[in-house]
Structures are given as structure tokens and as C-alpha cells.
Amino acid sequence: MKSKGLLSLLTFSEKRRDLLLFLLEQPSTLTNIRKKFDVSSPEIAPRIREMESANLMYKDPSTKMYTLTTTGKIIAKSFRPFVDMVDLIEKNEDFWNDHDLSGIPDHLLDRLADLKDCDFYIDKLENVYTSHKSFLETIEQSHTIKGVSPVFFSTYPQFFKHLAEKDVPTSLLLTDSIYEVVKTDYAEDLKTFNDGKFTDLYLIDGAKVAFVVTDVFFSMSLFFKSGNYDPRTDLICFDKKGIQWGNDLFDYYFAQAKKI
């Protein structure tokens, strides 16, 4: 089968695609395949034959298990990131289409599929501050906190002063304009934070993304393409890959920061 035939085989059938990725995890019997996809043998048998004809899988005569061929494994490993990326974007196409993604470096845009298990939280405008309170309560459950903030909420200074007093390791990267607001209007809170044993404050020239990453979760919000910040929509991850992606995003901005 020609390569364009393989592409059609996998992209035009969700069952064939899912079967390929399922067998990438481990070989399986027909019974387990039927249970996994909740189908009868007559329903799944044609898909299996098509995959066998394309040399993507075979039935091991000794174990009676369906297994990917070497070609099937190569294709499945390359195909999974594409499928994960599509699934992520389809969760909330408006989020990716309407927002400015320039705050995310290219090497992390290439790994956007790492966020496939993240969820989107969208609040009604009148609930923004209530949800923000819940967000801070979630942060307080964390043991290490790192964040980048090009936006200001009046609850931030008091909250992060509280973290400093509790000796929670916290690193914050603020844009110049946000730092000026804090320094002018919340000088005492700022001093308490700076005097903390485990707190660090840094300045960055600018950022088109606001996020927090902790040992528990990663949360990110973006600006609209118009330049206005979107306070209502957050992408939140609690899985290891999503948290690692958030840590790598922090490292990208940290490399550009100047310590106060």
C-alpha cells in the first residue's frame, strides 16, 4: 500500500486510528479489542483485515494476540503526537484561534500536544473574581510556586505576602509596569515578600502570557489578538506532562529575567 494509502487508512477512520494507538500500548486479544471499543466481532473484523493488509498489524499465532508490526509501531509513534495535538485544539478551537500565542516560544508550541490532558475553564464575566478566589485557594495547596504575571489583581500582593510568611518557596516574574504598581501601592506587602527566606522576585521586559506552575498544577491564560487580557478562560493541567510543560515555559522566561 502506498504511503498516501496509509494516510487515508488512518485519517479517514477513527476506529482504525484508535486501534493503531491502542495496540501501541500493548498487544491485545480480539476479546479485549472488542471490549475496548464496545463493538462486535463483525464490526471490528473489517478494520483488522484492512490494518493487516497494510502491514500495520498481525495476529501472533503462538499468543493469539494482535500486535503491531515494526512499520506499525513506527507510524503509531509518529502519529500519536498529531492525534494528541488535534484532540487538544478540538477541545476549544476558539481558545487557540482567538488568542495571541506569541507569548509561547516555538519549541513549546511544537510540544503543545503535551497539554492534551488539560482542561479549559471558562467563567461568566460576573463570576471572574469568585473563580479567581478559588484559583488562589488551589495555589495554596501547593508546596512550590512559580509564576509569570503581566497582569495585576488586587488580591495578589496580600496573597503572596501570606506565602512568604508561611515560607512557601515562591518565584515570581513581573513585568516592569506591574512591578511599579506593586512598589507604589503595596510597598509593605512587597517588602515582606522580598524579605522571605524562600521567595524571589524578578523583572521581565514583557510577556503575552500569564501563568502559574506548581508541584500540583499548571494554569495559563492568554491575551486576545486585540491585545486585551482574557480573565475568563484558563487552561489548567494536573498531569505530569502538563506541569512539566509549564515548568519549561517558566524556564524560558526565567532565562530573560533580572532579579530584584
Protein backbone atom coordinates (compact mmCIF):
# COMPACT_ATOMS: atom_id res chain seq x y z
CA MET A 1 0.00 0.00 0.00
CA LYS A 2 1.40 3.41 -0.96
CA SER A 3 2.08 5.97 1.74
CA LYS A 4 -0.87 8.11 0.67
CA GLY A 5 -3.00 4.98 1.11
CA LEU A 6 -1.70 4.58 4.66
CA LEU A 7 -2.54 8.20 5.39
CA SER A 8 -6.09 7.71 4.15
CA LEU A 9 -6.37 4.44 6.05
CA LEU A 10 -5.63 6.16 9.37
CA THR A 11 -7.14 9.60 8.93
CA PHE A 12 -10.48 8.57 7.39
CA SER A 13 -11.37 6.01 10.03
CA GLU A 14 -11.46 6.78 13.74
CA LYS A 15 -11.66 3.06 14.56
CA ARG A 16 -8.52 2.23 12.57
CA ARG A 17 -6.69 5.17 14.11
CA ASP A 18 -7.71 4.27 17.65
CA LEU A 19 -6.89 0.60 17.08
CA LEU A 20 -3.39 1.52 15.95
CA LEU A 21 -2.78 3.65 19.04
CA PHE A 22 -4.38 1.06 21.33
CA LEU A 23 -2.03 -1.67 20.11
CA LEU A 24 0.93 0.68 20.53
CA GLU A 25 0.37 0.40 24.28
CA GLN A 26 0.42 -3.41 24.23
CA PRO A 27 -0.67 -6.40 22.10
CA SER A 28 -4.26 -7.47 22.63
CA THR A 29 -6.67 -10.31 22.03
CA LEU A 30 -9.74 -9.86 19.87
CA THR A 31 -11.87 -10.11 23.01
CA ASN A 32 -10.05 -7.18 24.64
CA ILE A 33 -10.23 -5.16 21.43
CA ARG A 34 -13.99 -5.69 21.29
CA LYS A 35 -14.34 -4.64 24.94
CA LYS A 36 -12.15 -1.60 24.48
CA PHE A 37 -14.16 -0.24 21.55
CA ASP A 38 -17.51 -1.73 22.57
CA VAL A 39 -18.04 -3.43 19.20
CA SER A 40 -18.93 -6.88 17.95
CA SER A 41 -16.54 -9.12 16.01
CA PRO A 42 -18.32 -8.46 12.66
CA GLU A 43 -17.95 -4.72 13.26
CA ILE A 44 -14.23 -4.69 14.05
CA ALA A 45 -13.12 -7.57 11.79
CA PRO A 46 -13.04 -5.49 8.56
CA ARG A 47 -10.89 -2.82 10.27
CA ILE A 48 -8.48 -5.50 11.47
CA ARG A 49 -8.21 -7.01 7.98
CA GLU A 50 -7.52 -3.59 6.50
CA MET A 51 -4.76 -2.98 9.03
CA GLU A 52 -3.27 -6.43 8.37
CA SER A 53 -3.34 -5.84 4.61
CA ALA A 54 -1.48 -2.57 5.13
CA ASN A 55 1.20 -4.43 7.14
CA LEU A 56 0.44 -2.41 10.26
CA MET A 57 -0.55 -5.32 12.50
CA TYR A 58 -0.69 -9.09 12.59
CA LYS A 59 -2.02 -11.90 14.75
CA ASP A 60 0.70 -13.75 16.62
CA PRO A 61 -0.04 -17.46 16.07
CA SER A 62 1.51 -18.51 19.39
CA THR A 63 -0.25 -15.99 21.68
CA LYS A 64 -3.36 -15.34 19.52
CA MET A 65 -2.76 -11.65 20.18
CA TYR A 66 -2.89 -8.83 17.67
CA THR A 67 0.39 -6.95 17.57
CA LEU A 68 1.78 -4.01 15.62
CA THR A 69 4.41 -4.74 13.02
CA THR A 70 7.64 -2.78 13.09
CA THR A 71 6.17 -0.48 10.45
CA GLY A 72 3.01 -0.14 12.52
CA LYS A 73 4.99 0.84 15.62
CA ILE A 74 7.00 3.45 13.70
CA ILE A 75 3.85 5.01 12.26
CA ALA A 76 1.93 4.85 15.55
CA LYS A 77 4.72 6.60 17.50
CA SER A 78 4.82 9.40 14.92
CA PHE A 79 1.05 9.57 14.59
CA ARG A 80 0.24 9.88 18.31
CA PRO A 81 1.57 13.48 18.76
CA PHE A 82 -0.50 14.58 15.75
CA VAL A 83 -3.66 12.98 17.16
CA ASP A 84 -3.00 14.45 20.61
CA MET A 85 -2.49 17.91 19.07
CA VAL A 86 -5.73 17.71 17.10
CA ASP A 87 -7.65 16.48 20.17
CA LEU A 88 -6.29 19.37 22.24
CA ILE A 89 -7.25 22.01 19.69
CA GLU A 90 -10.69 20.49 19.15
CA LYS A 91 -11.40 20.77 22.89
CA ASN A 92 -11.56 24.55 22.48
CA GLU A 93 -10.81 25.82 18.99
CA ASP A 94 -11.84 29.37 19.95
CA PHE A 95 -9.13 29.49 22.61
CA TRP A 96 -6.36 28.79 20.10
CA ASN A 97 -7.88 30.82 17.27
CA ASP A 98 -8.86 33.96 19.20
CA HIS A 99 -5.82 34.40 21.43
CA ASP A 100 -2.32 35.71 20.86
CA LEU A 101 0.09 32.74 21.04
CA SER A 102 3.23 34.83 20.60
CA GLY A 103 3.98 34.51 24.33
CA ILE A 104 4.64 30.79 23.84
CA PRO A 105 8.06 30.04 22.31
CA ASP A 106 8.26 27.89 19.18
CA HIS A 107 9.86 24.91 20.92
CA LEU A 108 6.88 24.70 23.28
CA LEU A 109 4.32 25.27 20.54
CA ASP A 110 5.87 22.20 18.92
CA ARG A 111 5.12 20.31 22.16
CA LEU A 112 1.58 21.61 22.57
CA ALA A 113 0.35 18.01 22.49
CA ASP A 114 1.81 17.64 26.00
CA LEU A 115 -1.24 19.61 27.15
CA LYS A 116 -3.74 17.09 25.75
CA ASP A 117 -4.98 16.06 29.21
CA CYS A 118 -5.53 19.66 30.32
CA ASP A 119 -8.98 21.22 30.63
CA PHE A 120 -10.41 24.61 29.81
CA TYR A 121 -12.29 26.63 32.41
CA ILE A 122 -14.49 29.41 31.09
CA ASP A 123 -16.26 31.72 33.54
CA LYS A 124 -19.09 34.12 33.04
CA LEU A 125 -17.91 37.69 33.39
CA GLU A 126 -19.79 38.22 36.64
CA ASN A 127 -18.04 35.19 38.20
CA VAL A 128 -14.46 36.15 37.36
CA TYR A 129 -13.48 37.28 40.84
CA THR A 130 -15.18 34.32 42.52
CA SER A 131 -13.27 31.90 40.31
CA HIS A 132 -10.08 33.88 40.93
CA LYS A 133 -10.56 33.31 44.66
CA SER A 134 -10.91 29.56 44.02
CA PHE A 135 -7.74 29.74 41.91
CA LEU A 136 -5.77 31.24 44.81
CA GLU A 137 -7.14 28.60 47.16
CA THR A 138 -5.86 25.91 44.78
CA ILE A 139 -2.42 27.53 44.71
CA GLU A 140 -2.31 27.48 48.49
CA GLN A 141 -2.38 23.67 48.41
CA SER A 142 0.97 23.69 46.58
CA HIS A 143 4.44 23.36 48.10
CA THR A 144 6.40 25.23 45.40
CA ILE A 145 5.08 28.07 43.25
CA LYS A 146 6.44 29.77 40.13
CA GLY A 147 4.59 32.34 38.10
CA VAL A 148 4.75 34.97 35.37
CA SER A 149 2.37 37.92 35.65
CA PRO A 150 1.89 40.68 33.08
CA VAL A 151 -1.48 41.50 34.71
CA PHE A 152 -2.48 42.69 38.17
CA PHE A 153 -5.17 41.60 40.59
CA SER A 154 -5.58 43.49 43.85
CA THR A 155 -5.61 40.21 45.79
CA TYR A 156 -2.10 39.27 44.60
CA PRO A 157 0.10 41.34 46.98
CA GLN A 158 -1.62 40.19 50.17
CA PHE A 159 -1.77 36.59 48.98
CA PHE A 160 1.90 36.34 48.06
CA LYS A 161 2.87 38.13 51.28
CA HIS A 162 0.98 35.34 53.04
CA LEU A 163 3.02 32.71 51.16
CA ALA A 164 6.26 34.44 52.16
CA GLU A 165 5.21 34.40 55.80
CA LYS A 166 4.47 30.67 55.53
CA ASP A 167 7.93 30.03 53.98
CA VAL A 168 6.44 28.58 50.77
CA PRO A 169 9.14 28.57 48.05
CA THR A 170 7.83 31.11 45.53
CA SER A 171 9.41 32.68 42.45
CA LEU A 172 7.57 35.47 40.67
CA LEU A 173 8.40 37.16 37.39
CA LEU A 174 6.68 40.52 36.95
CA THR A 175 6.68 42.91 34.04
CA ASP A 176 8.04 46.41 34.73
CA SER A 177 4.58 48.01 34.71
CA ILE A 178 3.14 45.52 37.22
CA TYR A 179 6.16 45.89 39.48
CA GLU A 180 5.70 49.67 39.52
CA VAL A 181 2.08 49.26 40.66
CA VAL A 182 3.07 46.90 43.46
CA LYS A 183 6.05 49.01 44.53
CA THR A 184 3.94 52.19 44.66
CA ASP A 185 0.68 50.95 46.16
CA TYR A 186 1.69 47.83 48.12
CA ALA A 187 5.15 48.66 49.45
CA GLU A 188 4.75 46.84 52.78
CA ASP A 189 3.47 43.65 51.16
CA LEU A 190 6.34 43.83 48.67
CA LYS A 191 8.92 44.22 51.43
CA THR A 192 7.53 41.24 53.34
CA PHE A 193 7.69 39.13 50.18
CA ASN A 194 11.25 40.22 49.36
CA ASP A 195 12.37 39.52 52.93
CA GLY A 196 11.03 35.97 52.82
CA LYS A 197 13.52 33.09 53.18
CA PHE A 198 12.22 31.22 50.19
CA THR A 199 10.85 33.95 47.93
CA ASP A 200 12.39 35.51 44.83
CA LEU A 201 11.18 38.36 42.66
CA TYR A 202 12.34 39.05 39.12
CA LEU A 203 11.62 41.53 36.36
CA ILE A 204 10.98 40.73 32.71
CA ASP A 205 10.54 43.19 29.85
CA GLY A 206 7.17 41.81 28.81
CA ALA A 207 5.03 38.72 28.37
CA LYS A 208 1.92 37.86 26.36
CA VAL A 209 1.01 35.03 28.70
CA ALA A 210 0.07 34.81 32.38
CA PHE A 211 0.61 31.53 34.20
CA VAL A 212 1.38 29.73 37.42
CA VAL A 213 3.06 26.35 37.72
CA THR A 214 3.36 24.45 40.99
CA ASP A 215 4.07 20.92 42.12
CA VAL A 216 0.30 20.33 41.90
CA PHE A 217 -0.94 22.03 38.74
CA PHE A 218 -0.27 24.39 35.84
CA SER A 219 -2.65 27.20 34.85
CA MET A 220 -2.29 29.50 31.86
CA SER A 221 -4.32 32.38 30.45
CA LEU A 222 -3.65 34.45 27.34
CA PHE A 223 -4.30 37.79 25.71
CA PHE A 224 -6.74 38.21 22.85
CA LYS A 225 -5.28 39.07 19.47
CA SER A 226 -6.70 42.57 20.05
CA GLY A 227 -4.19 42.99 22.89
CA ASN A 228 -6.68 42.77 25.75
CA TYR A 229 -6.13 40.24 28.52
CA ASP A 230 -8.72 37.45 28.79
CA PRO A 231 -9.53 36.98 32.51
CA ARG A 232 -12.25 34.40 31.88
CA THR A 233 -10.56 31.48 30.14
CA ASP A 234 -7.88 29.32 31.76
CA LEU A 235 -6.15 26.18 30.60
CA ILE A 236 -5.48 24.05 33.67
CA CYS A 237 -3.42 20.86 33.93
CA PHE A 238 -2.95 18.46 36.82
CA ASP A 239 -1.00 15.77 34.93
CA LYS A 240 2.80 15.36 34.87
CA LYS A 241 3.26 16.27 31.21
CA GLY A 242 1.24 19.44 31.52
CA ILE A 243 3.09 20.51 34.67
CA GLN A 244 6.45 19.82 33.02
CA TRP A 245 5.39 21.90 30.00
CA GLY A 246 4.54 24.72 32.41
CA ASN A 247 7.93 24.42 34.11
CA ASP A 248 9.66 24.62 30.74
CA LEU A 249 7.65 27.75 29.91
CA PHE A 250 8.76 29.28 33.21
CA ASP A 251 12.39 28.40 32.46
CA TYR A 252 12.09 30.19 29.11
CA TYR A 253 11.04 33.44 30.80
CA PHE A 254 13.36 32.95 33.78
CA ALA A 255 16.34 32.94 31.41
CA GLN A 256 15.38 36.50 30.39
CA ALA A 257 14.63 37.81 33.90
CA LYS A 258 16.59 40.12 36.18
CA LYS A 259 16.44 39.54 39.91
CA ILE A 260 15.26 42.35 42.17
